[in-house]
Each structure stands twice: as structure tokens, then as C-alpha cells.
C-alpha atoms as a PDB file:
ATOM      1  CA  UNK A   1      -4.914  -5.370  13.102  1.00  0.00           C
ATOM      2  CA  UNK A   2      -3.613  -4.383   9.682  1.00  0.00           C
ATOM      3  CA  UNK A   3      -1.057  -1.615   9.477  1.00  0.00           C
ATOM      4  CA  UNK A   4      -0.797   0.050   6.076  1.00  0.00           C
ATOM      5  CA  UNK A   5       2.357   2.084   5.518  1.00  0.00           C
ATOM      6  CA  UNK A   6       2.226   3.820   2.160  1.00  0.00           C
ATOM      7  CA  UNK A   7       5.454   5.331   0.867  1.00  0.00           C
ATOM      8  CA  UNK A   8       5.578   7.391  -2.294  1.00  0.00           C
ATOM      9  CA  UNK A   9       7.297  10.038  -4.348  1.00  0.00           C
ATOM     10  CA  UNK A  10       6.258  13.608  -3.677  1.00  0.00           C
ATOM     11  CA  UNK A  11       4.782  13.918  -7.182  1.00  0.00           C
ATOM     12  CA  UNK A  12       2.552  10.909  -6.514  1.00  0.00           C
ATOM     13  CA  UNK A  13       1.373  12.464  -3.243  1.00  0.00           C
ATOM     14  CA  UNK A  14       0.351  15.629  -5.054  1.00  0.00           C
ATOM     15  CA  UNK A  15      -1.818  13.681  -7.491  1.00  0.00           C
ATOM     16  CA  UNK A  16      -3.702  11.111  -5.416  1.00  0.00           C
ATOM     17  CA  UNK A  17      -6.213  11.267  -2.568  1.00  0.00           C
ATOM     18  CA  UNK A  18      -4.937   9.323   0.439  1.00  0.00           C
ATOM     19  CA  UNK A  19      -8.265   9.410   2.288  1.00  0.00           C
ATOM     20  CA  UNK A  20      -9.986   7.784  -0.666  1.00  0.00           C
ATOM     21  CA  UNK A  21      -7.246   5.160  -0.991  1.00  0.00           C
ATOM     22  CA  UNK A  22      -7.306   4.227   2.684  1.00  0.00           C
ATOM     23  CA  UNK A  23     -11.116   4.167   2.848  1.00  0.00           C
ATOM     24  CA  UNK A  24     -11.119   1.770  -0.088  1.00  0.00           C
ATOM     25  CA  UNK A  25      -8.311  -0.443   1.244  1.00  0.00           C
ATOM     26  CA  UNK A  26      -9.726  -0.567   4.780  1.00  0.00           C
ATOM     27  CA  UNK A  27     -13.075  -1.770   3.425  1.00  0.00           C
ATOM     28  CA  UNK A  28     -11.402  -4.289   1.123  1.00  0.00           C
ATOM     29  CA  UNK A  29      -9.317  -5.714   3.978  1.00  0.00           C
ATOM     30  CA  UNK A  30     -12.330  -5.843   6.302  1.00  0.00           C
ATOM     31  CA  UNK A  31     -14.230  -7.855   3.704  1.00  0.00           C
ATOM     32  CA  UNK A  32     -11.446 -10.053   2.336  1.00  0.00           C
ATOM     33  CA  UNK A  33      -8.720 -10.558   4.929  1.00  0.00           C
ATOM     34  CA  UNK A  34     -11.031 -10.548   6.954  1.00  0.00           C
ATOM     35  CA  UNK A  35     -10.520  -8.085   9.797  1.00  0.00           C
ATOM     36  CA  UNK A  36     -12.436  -5.426  11.660  1.00  0.00           C
ATOM     37  CA  UNK A  37     -12.334  -2.134   9.791  1.00  0.00           C
ATOM     38  CA  UNK A  38     -11.830  -0.300  13.096  1.00  0.00           C
ATOM     39  CA  UNK A  39      -8.522  -2.098  13.577  1.00  0.00           C
ATOM     40  CA  UNK A  40      -6.977  -0.774  10.324  1.00  0.00           C
ATOM     41  CA  UNK A  41      -4.224   1.780  10.895  1.00  0.00           C
ATOM     42  CA  UNK A  42      -2.778   3.667   7.940  1.00  0.00           C
ATOM     43  CA  UNK A  43      -0.090   6.250   7.419  1.00  0.00           C
ATOM     44  CA  UNK A  44       1.842   7.864   4.592  1.00  0.00           C
ATOM     45  CA  UNK A  45       5.506   8.680   4.127  1.00  0.00           C
ATOM     46  CA  UNK A  46       6.265  11.094   1.306  1.00  0.00           C
ATOM     47  CA  UNK A  47       9.758  11.331  -0.124  1.00  0.00           C
ATOM     48  CA  UNK A  48      11.224  14.199  -2.084  1.00  0.00           C
ATOM     49  CA  UNK A  49      14.708  12.653  -2.147  1.00  0.00           C
ATOM     50  CA  UNK A  50      15.042   9.159  -3.592  1.00  0.00           C
ATOM     51  CA  UNK A  51      16.776   7.398  -6.463  1.00  0.00           C
ATOM     52  CA  UNK A  52      15.356   4.603  -8.623  1.00  0.00           C
ATOM     53  CA  UNK A  53      17.363   2.801 -11.259  1.00  0.00           C
ATOM     54  CA  UNK A  54      19.586   5.210 -13.104  1.00  0.00           C
ATOM     55  CA  UNK A  55      17.379   8.312 -13.060  1.00  0.00           C
ATOM     56  CA  UNK A  56      15.976  10.668 -10.476  1.00  0.00           C
ATOM     57  CA  UNK A  57      13.704  13.097 -12.253  1.00  0.00           C
ATOM     58  CA  UNK A  58      11.585  10.709 -14.312  1.00  0.00           C
ATOM     59  CA  UNK A  59      11.068   7.736 -12.004  1.00  0.00           C
ATOM     60  CA  UNK A  60       8.356   7.659  -9.339  1.00  0.00           C
ATOM     61  CA  UNK A  61       7.408   5.052  -6.765  1.00  0.00           C
ATOM     62  CA  UNK A  62       4.451   3.862  -4.730  1.00  0.00           C
ATOM     63  CA  UNK A  63       5.158   1.183  -2.119  1.00  0.00           C
ATOM     64  CA  UNK A  64       2.779  -0.309   0.440  1.00  0.00           C
ATOM     65  CA  UNK A  65       3.927  -2.306   3.435  1.00  0.00           C
ATOM     66  CA  UNK A  66       0.955  -4.222   4.799  1.00  0.00           C
ATOM     67  CA  UNK A  67       1.407  -5.763   8.247  1.00  0.00           C
ATOM     68  CA  UNK A  68      -1.168  -8.307   9.401  1.00  0.00           C
ATOM     69  CA  UNK A  69      -1.634 -10.754  12.250  1.00  0.00           C
ATOM     70  CA  UNK A  70      -0.475 -14.309  11.456  1.00  0.00           C
ATOM     71  CA  UNK A  71      -2.878 -17.029  10.442  1.00  0.00           C
ATOM     72  CA  UNK A  72      -3.994 -16.176   6.902  1.00  0.00           C
ATOM     73  CA  UNK A  73      -3.440 -18.734   4.184  1.00  0.00           C
ATOM     74  CA  UNK A  74      -0.831 -18.103   1.490  1.00  0.00           C
ATOM     75  CA  UNK A  75      -3.705 -17.949  -1.016  1.00  0.00           C
ATOM     76  CA  UNK A  76      -5.446 -15.193   0.946  1.00  0.00           C
ATOM     77  CA  UNK A  77      -2.235 -13.197   1.297  1.00  0.00           C
ATOM     78  CA  UNK A  78      -1.474 -13.572  -2.409  1.00  0.00           C
ATOM     79  CA  UNK A  79      -5.015 -12.565  -3.407  1.00  0.00           C
ATOM     80  CA  UNK A  80      -4.860  -9.451  -1.193  1.00  0.00           C
ATOM     81  CA  UNK A  81      -1.494  -8.383  -2.628  1.00  0.00           C
ATOM     82  CA  UNK A  82      -2.611  -8.962  -6.214  1.00  0.00           C
ATOM     83  CA  UNK A  83      -5.779  -6.943  -5.651  1.00  0.00           C
ATOM     84  CA  UNK A  84      -3.918  -4.010  -4.095  1.00  0.00           C
ATOM     85  CA  UNK A  85      -1.306  -4.060  -6.862  1.00  0.00           C
ATOM     86  CA  UNK A  86      -4.052  -3.966  -9.500  1.00  0.00           C
ATOM     87  CA  UNK A  87      -5.843  -1.170  -7.615  1.00  0.00           C
ATOM     88  CA  UNK A  88      -2.650   0.916  -7.462  1.00  0.00           C
ATOM     89  CA  UNK A  89      -1.987   0.357 -11.163  1.00  0.00           C
ATOM     90  CA  UNK A  90      -5.446   1.762 -11.882  1.00  0.00           C
ATOM     91  CA  UNK A  91      -4.803   4.814  -9.699  1.00  0.00           C
ATOM     92  CA  UNK A  92      -1.526   5.537 -11.447  1.00  0.00           C
ATOM     93  CA  UNK A  93      -2.956   4.965 -14.920  1.00  0.00           C
ATOM     94  CA  UNK A  94      -5.857   7.324 -14.181  1.00  0.00           C
ATOM     95  CA  UNK A  95      -3.448   9.980 -12.881  1.00  0.00           C
ATOM     96  CA  UNK A  96      -1.094   9.857 -15.896  1.00  0.00           C
ATOM     97  CA  UNK A  97       1.957   9.307 -13.679  1.00  0.00           C
ATOM     98  CA  UNK A  98       4.355   7.566 -16.014  1.00  0.00           C
ATOM     99  CA  UNK A  99       7.265   5.408 -14.914  1.00  0.00           C
ATOM    100  CA  UNK A 100       5.853   4.674 -11.471  1.00  0.00           C
ATOM    101  CA  UNK A 101       7.316   1.652  -9.725  1.00  0.00           C
ATOM    102  CA  UNK A 102       4.545  -0.045  -7.727  1.00  0.00           C
ATOM    103  CA  UNK A 103       5.361  -2.582  -5.026  1.00  0.00           C
ATOM    104  CA  UNK A 104       3.633  -4.249  -2.100  1.00  0.00           C
ATOM    105  CA  UNK A 105       5.157  -6.144   0.797  1.00  0.00           C
ATOM    106  CA  UNK A 106       2.942  -8.152   3.128  1.00  0.00           C
ATOM    107  CA  UNK A 107       4.459  -8.962   6.518  1.00  0.00           C
ATOM    108  CA  UNK A 108       3.081 -10.849   9.477  1.00  0.00           C
ATOM    109  CA  UNK A 109       3.306  -9.079  12.820  1.00  0.00           C
ATOM    110  CA  UNK A 110       5.483 -10.843  15.352  1.00  0.00           C
ATOM    111  CA  UNK A 111       4.219 -12.652  18.421  1.00  0.00           C
ATOM    112  CA  UNK A 112       5.631  -9.715  20.372  1.00  0.00           C
ATOM    113  CA  UNK A 113       3.246  -7.136  18.896  1.00  0.00           C
ATOM    114  CA  UNK A 114       1.295  -5.477  21.698  1.00  0.00           C
ATOM    115  CA  UNK A 115      -1.596  -3.083  21.558  1.00  0.00           C
END
């Protein structure tokens, strides 16, 4: 039941393909979390107003909040986060988007999550 909430700077959004990213991440999670690919739900929030550090114009960000059902080992959660972080670094490097802050937060859904 993973929820992927990708937040990013507007400039990032103009330079990456979200469908490709989510197709890749859904398949990775299905294979490695593991989960059913049909249960993955992804969305994007694009920001044109934000402030990072002490500059506005030059700094960009890409942040993923990944929400999963409880029960995965700390090792699995760490491996998933490290993989996604590495994947995002490759996307940014290939897009020549300098000064991009990349972060990932993995959260477990509460016992009160209903579908």
C-alpha cells in the first residue's frame, strides 16, 4: 500500500519525467519491499515558492515521502531509502540541475489507515 508523495521545485518538474520515475519506483517497490504494484499510489506537488538555506534562485529540492504498511525490517527500509536516494541523484546529475537538495522520508502508515 505504498504512497509516494514527491515534492519538488518547479524547475525540477520542468526537467524530469514523472511517469518514468513512478513506473520505475513502483516496480522497484513491488520487487524489493515487497508489495503489489497495483497498490502503489503516487502524486506530485510542485512548488514555485520555497526557500532553502540562504538563497532562493539557485537552490532546488526534490523530496519523497514514502508511506508504507508496518512490518518491514529496518534493513529493508534503509535499503529502499538508499536505493531511491541514489536513483534521484542519478536523475539530477543527468539533468544538470545543480544545487538540488535530495531527501527521502519513509513513514509507516498508522493502524487507523483505511482503504
